[in-house]
Amino acid sequence: MNIQAILKKCSALESDIAEIYRKFGGLYPEARDLWDDIASEEDGHAATLMFASKFAEKGQLPNIVPPKLITYLEGTVDMVDAVNRMIRDDALTLDAALGMALNLEQTVHENYLHEILRLEVGSDVLKRLKLIATETESHAARIKQMMNARK
């Protein structure tokens, strides 16, 4: 799998995660603002990653793909599927949803992209991708803040 395929897969994951957050907003109205805000930013991440995949297609991004990344991405897909099953089964409390969201924000696919792209800041595309890292860190901080406020 090349960097273009990785970016497309990560874009799809961001869209799936945005949808999970929208579902959380419907399930937990007391935290709807948080979920809606983060879902909207995840949609932006998905669009940015898809945009970047177009540049990768033209060979304008580094084609760095660590061997274990595919396994990590599949693990993230499995995590998203598990969260969706729990939502369908009505098996999540707000606290559990917050914990799962924090795990999603800290996944390897996010961290991998952020780490390699922090090294490459020469193009506008890579700068836009770097913004995803900053926003993801903000998501994790906001989720942790809500978790602490509920204790």
C-alpha atoms as a PDB file:
ATOM      1  CA  MET A   1       0.000   0.000   0.000  1.00  0.00           C
ATOM      2  CA  ASN A   2       1.420   3.408  -0.948  1.00  0.00           C
ATOM      3  CA  ILE A   3       0.994   6.811   0.708  1.00  0.00           C
ATOM      4  CA  GLN A   4      -1.960   7.669  -1.552  1.00  0.00           C
ATOM      5  CA  ALA A   5      -3.860   4.556  -0.443  1.00  0.00           C
ATOM      6  CA  ILE A   6      -2.937   5.271   3.178  1.00  0.00           C
ATOM      7  CA  LEU A   7      -4.276   8.825   2.909  1.00  0.00           C
ATOM      8  CA  LYS A   8      -7.530   7.593   1.353  1.00  0.00           C
ATOM      9  CA  LYS A   9      -7.949   4.961   4.052  1.00  0.00           C
ATOM     10  CA  CYS A  10      -7.278   7.535   6.765  1.00  0.00           C
ATOM     11  CA  SER A  11      -9.774   9.895   5.117  1.00  0.00           C
ATOM     12  CA  ALA A  12     -12.435   7.179   5.246  1.00  0.00           C
ATOM     13  CA  LEU A  13     -11.603   6.528   8.910  1.00  0.00           C
ATOM     14  CA  GLU A  14     -11.930  10.237   9.730  1.00  0.00           C
ATOM     15  CA  SER A  15     -15.374  10.259   8.072  1.00  0.00           C
ATOM     16  CA  ASP A  16     -16.395   7.167  10.037  1.00  0.00           C
ATOM     17  CA  ILE A  17     -15.178   8.750  13.281  1.00  0.00           C
ATOM     18  CA  ALA A  18     -17.087  11.965  12.492  1.00  0.00           C
ATOM     19  CA  GLU A  19     -20.235   9.881  12.088  1.00  0.00           C
ATOM     20  CA  ILE A  20     -19.614   8.182  15.448  1.00  0.00           C
ATOM     21  CA  TYR A  21     -19.310  11.592  17.090  1.00  0.00           C
ATOM     22  CA  ARG A  22     -22.588  12.699  15.503  1.00  0.00           C
ATOM     23  CA  LYS A  23     -24.231   9.582  16.916  1.00  0.00           C
ATOM     24  CA  PHE A  24     -22.760  10.399  20.335  1.00  0.00           C
ATOM     25  CA  GLY A  25     -24.243  13.902  20.023  1.00  0.00           C
ATOM     26  CA  GLY A  26     -27.678  12.360  19.524  1.00  0.00           C
ATOM     27  CA  LEU A  27     -27.243   9.930  22.394  1.00  0.00           C
ATOM     28  CA  TYR A  28     -25.791  12.398  24.878  1.00  0.00           C
ATOM     29  CA  PRO A  29     -27.438  15.816  24.442  1.00  0.00           C
ATOM     30  CA  GLU A  30     -25.596  17.145  27.494  1.00  0.00           C
ATOM     31  CA  ALA A  31     -22.390  16.893  25.452  1.00  0.00           C
ATOM     32  CA  ARG A  32     -23.834  17.629  22.007  1.00  0.00           C
ATOM     33  CA  ASP A  33     -21.764  20.791  21.474  1.00  0.00           C
ATOM     34  CA  LEU A  34     -18.535  18.877  22.016  1.00  0.00           C
ATOM     35  CA  TRP A  35     -19.533  16.034  19.704  1.00  0.00           C
ATOM     36  CA  ASP A  36     -20.839  18.329  16.975  1.00  0.00           C
ATOM     37  CA  ASP A  37     -17.715  20.509  17.030  1.00  0.00           C
ATOM     38  CA  ILE A  38     -15.343  17.571  16.910  1.00  0.00           C
ATOM     39  CA  ALA A  39     -17.396  15.804  14.210  1.00  0.00           C
ATOM     40  CA  SER A  40     -17.212  18.907  12.039  1.00  0.00           C
ATOM     41  CA  GLU A  41     -13.441  19.064  12.421  1.00  0.00           C
ATOM     42  CA  GLU A  42     -13.162  15.350  11.626  1.00  0.00           C
ATOM     43  CA  ASP A  43     -15.060  16.032   8.385  1.00  0.00           C
ATOM     44  CA  GLY A  44     -12.450  18.671   7.613  1.00  0.00           C
ATOM     45  CA  HIS A  45      -9.673  16.182   8.334  1.00  0.00           C
ATOM     46  CA  ALA A  46     -11.255  13.692   5.931  1.00  0.00           C
ATOM     47  CA  ALA A  47     -11.428  16.337   3.210  1.00  0.00           C
ATOM     48  CA  THR A  48      -7.817  17.403   3.805  1.00  0.00           C
ATOM     49  CA  LEU A  49      -6.588  13.817   3.648  1.00  0.00           C
ATOM     50  CA  MET A  50      -8.494  13.203   0.415  1.00  0.00           C
ATOM     51  CA  PHE A  51      -7.063  16.444  -0.993  1.00  0.00           C
ATOM     52  CA  ALA A  52      -3.562  15.313  -0.010  1.00  0.00           C
ATOM     53  CA  SER A  53      -4.096  11.939  -1.682  1.00  0.00           C
ATOM     54  CA  LYS A  54      -4.414  13.791  -4.993  1.00  0.00           C
ATOM     55  CA  PHE A  55      -0.917  15.200  -4.471  1.00  0.00           C
ATOM     56  CA  ALA A  56       0.380  11.786  -3.466  1.00  0.00           C
ATOM     57  CA  GLU A  57      -1.073  10.411  -6.698  1.00  0.00           C
ATOM     58  CA  LYS A  58       1.149  12.856  -8.576  1.00  0.00           C
ATOM     59  CA  GLY A  59       4.206  11.849  -6.530  1.00  0.00           C
ATOM     60  CA  GLN A  60       4.290  15.176  -4.682  1.00  0.00           C
ATOM     61  CA  LEU A  61       4.331  13.682  -1.167  1.00  0.00           C
ATOM     62  CA  PRO A  62       6.894  11.391   0.429  1.00  0.00           C
ATOM     63  CA  ASN A  63       5.952   7.740  -0.032  1.00  0.00           C
ATOM     64  CA  ILE A  64       6.831   6.631   3.505  1.00  0.00           C
ATOM     65  CA  VAL A  65       4.852   3.601   4.649  1.00  0.00           C
ATOM     66  CA  PRO A  66       6.176   1.712   7.702  1.00  0.00           C
ATOM     67  CA  PRO A  67       5.517  -2.035   7.400  1.00  0.00           C
ATOM     68  CA  LYS A  68       3.297  -2.246  10.487  1.00  0.00           C
ATOM     69  CA  LEU A  69       1.055   0.648   9.418  1.00  0.00           C
ATOM     70  CA  ILE A  70      -1.434  -1.519   7.539  1.00  0.00           C
ATOM     71  CA  THR A  71      -1.946  -3.621  10.669  1.00  0.00           C
ATOM     72  CA  TYR A  72      -2.416  -0.473  12.748  1.00  0.00           C
ATOM     73  CA  LEU A  73      -4.939   0.939  10.285  1.00  0.00           C
ATOM     74  CA  GLU A  74      -6.888  -2.305  10.317  1.00  0.00           C
ATOM     75  CA  GLY A  75      -6.859  -2.134  14.118  1.00  0.00           C
ATOM     76  CA  THR A  76      -8.402   1.328  13.912  1.00  0.00           C
ATOM     77  CA  VAL A  77     -11.072   0.016  11.529  1.00  0.00           C
ATOM     78  CA  ASP A  78     -11.800  -2.747  14.045  1.00  0.00           C
ATOM     79  CA  MET A  79     -12.060  -0.147  16.830  1.00  0.00           C
ATOM     80  CA  VAL A  80     -14.520   1.930  14.784  1.00  0.00           C
ATOM     81  CA  ASP A  81     -16.574  -1.196  14.069  1.00  0.00           C
ATOM     82  CA  ALA A  82     -16.616  -2.096  17.778  1.00  0.00           C
ATOM     83  CA  VAL A  83     -17.797   1.391  18.749  1.00  0.00           C
ATOM     84  CA  ASN A  84     -20.560   1.218  16.138  1.00  0.00           C
ATOM     85  CA  ARG A  85     -21.675  -2.178  17.489  1.00  0.00           C
ATOM     86  CA  MET A  86     -21.821  -0.755  21.017  1.00  0.00           C
ATOM     87  CA  ILE A  87     -23.877   2.194  19.780  1.00  0.00           C
ATOM     88  CA  ARG A  88     -26.283  -0.180  17.993  1.00  0.00           C
ATOM     89  CA  ASP A  89     -26.541  -2.340  21.112  1.00  0.00           C
ATOM     90  CA  ASP A  90     -27.112   0.747  23.276  1.00  0.00           C
ATOM     91  CA  ALA A  91     -24.193  -0.414  25.419  1.00  0.00           C
ATOM     92  CA  LEU A  92     -22.404   2.888  26.041  1.00  0.00           C
ATOM     93  CA  THR A  93     -22.605   5.408  28.812  1.00  0.00           C
ATOM     94  CA  LEU A  94     -21.373   8.945  28.224  1.00  0.00           C
ATOM     95  CA  ASP A  95     -18.240   8.123  30.211  1.00  0.00           C
ATOM     96  CA  ALA A  96     -17.580   5.067  28.029  1.00  0.00           C
ATOM     97  CA  ALA A  97     -18.201   7.127  24.888  1.00  0.00           C
ATOM     98  CA  LEU A  98     -15.707   9.735  26.071  1.00  0.00           C
ATOM     99  CA  GLY A  99     -13.134   7.024  26.746  1.00  0.00           C
ATOM    100  CA  MET A 100     -13.637   5.473  23.330  1.00  0.00           C
ATOM    101  CA  ALA A 101     -13.421   8.872  21.654  1.00  0.00           C
ATOM    102  CA  LEU A 102     -10.156   9.545  23.437  1.00  0.00           C
ATOM    103  CA  ASN A 103      -8.821   6.197  22.189  1.00  0.00           C
ATOM    104  CA  LEU A 104      -9.903   7.046  18.655  1.00  0.00           C
ATOM    105  CA  GLU A 105      -8.125  10.398  18.857  1.00  0.00           C
ATOM    106  CA  GLN A 106      -4.950   8.681  19.997  1.00  0.00           C
ATOM    107  CA  THR A 107      -4.869   5.935  17.375  1.00  0.00           C
ATOM    108  CA  VAL A 108      -1.744   4.968  15.546  1.00  0.00           C
ATOM    109  CA  HIS A 109      -3.094   6.034  12.149  1.00  0.00           C
ATOM    110  CA  GLU A 110      -3.443   9.573  13.502  1.00  0.00           C
ATOM    111  CA  ASN A 111      -0.072   9.544  15.221  1.00  0.00           C
ATOM    112  CA  TYR A 112       1.730   8.021  12.250  1.00  0.00           C
ATOM    113  CA  LEU A 113       0.504  10.652   9.835  1.00  0.00           C
ATOM    114  CA  HIS A 114       1.238  13.441  12.241  1.00  0.00           C
ATOM    115  CA  GLU A 115       4.763  12.283  12.942  1.00  0.00           C
ATOM    116  CA  ILE A 116       5.881  11.881   9.350  1.00  0.00           C
ATOM    117  CA  LEU A 117       4.149  15.022   8.210  1.00  0.00           C
ATOM    118  CA  ARG A 118       5.659  17.149  10.964  1.00  0.00           C
ATOM    119  CA  LEU A 119       9.003  16.484   9.301  1.00  0.00           C
ATOM    120  CA  GLU A 120       7.848  17.846   5.954  1.00  0.00           C
ATOM    121  CA  VAL A 121       6.598  21.434   6.165  1.00  0.00           C
ATOM    122  CA  GLY A 122       7.673  22.758   2.785  1.00  0.00           C
ATOM    123  CA  SER A 123       4.365  22.648   0.957  1.00  0.00           C
ATOM    124  CA  ASP A 124       0.918  24.041   1.623  1.00  0.00           C
ATOM    125  CA  VAL A 125      -0.533  20.528   1.493  1.00  0.00           C
ATOM    126  CA  LEU A 126       1.770  19.317   4.228  1.00  0.00           C
ATOM    127  CA  LYS A 127       1.054  22.407   6.317  1.00  0.00           C
ATOM    128  CA  ARG A 128      -2.669  21.639   6.028  1.00  0.00           C
ATOM    129  CA  LEU A 129      -2.004  18.063   7.093  1.00  0.00           C
ATOM    130  CA  LYS A 130       0.000  19.349  10.042  1.00  0.00           C
ATOM    131  CA  LEU A 131      -3.095  21.266  11.153  1.00  0.00           C
ATOM    132  CA  ILE A 132      -4.862  17.907  11.562  1.00  0.00           C
ATOM    133  CA  ALA A 133      -2.277  16.998  14.205  1.00  0.00           C
ATOM    134  CA  THR A 134      -2.941  20.195  16.114  1.00  0.00           C
ATOM    135  CA  GLU A 135      -6.707  19.754  15.943  1.00  0.00           C
ATOM    136  CA  THR A 136      -6.481  16.117  17.018  1.00  0.00           C
ATOM    137  CA  GLU A 137      -4.459  17.116  20.062  1.00  0.00           C
ATOM    138  CA  SER A 138      -7.158  19.695  20.806  1.00  0.00           C
ATOM    139  CA  HIS A 139      -9.875  17.023  20.475  1.00  0.00           C
ATOM    140  CA  ALA A 140      -8.095  14.774  22.951  1.00  0.00           C
ATOM    141  CA  ALA A 141      -7.665  17.673  25.386  1.00  0.00           C
ATOM    142  CA  ARG A 142     -11.350  18.637  25.143  1.00  0.00           C
ATOM    143  CA  ILE A 143     -12.463  15.047  25.655  1.00  0.00           C
ATOM    144  CA  LYS A 144     -10.153  14.696  28.678  1.00  0.00           C
ATOM    145  CA  GLN A 145     -11.509  17.970  30.069  1.00  0.00           C
ATOM    146  CA  MET A 146     -15.082  16.676  29.843  1.00  0.00           C
ATOM    147  CA  MET A 147     -14.031  13.356  31.379  1.00  0.00           C
ATOM    148  CA  ASN A 148     -12.420  15.186  34.320  1.00  0.00           C
ATOM    149  CA  ALA A 149     -15.430  17.451  34.747  1.00  0.00           C
ATOM    150  CA  ARG A 150     -17.656  14.380  35.091  1.00  0.00           C
ATOM    151  CA  LYS A 151     -15.589  12.902  37.952  1.00  0.00           C
END
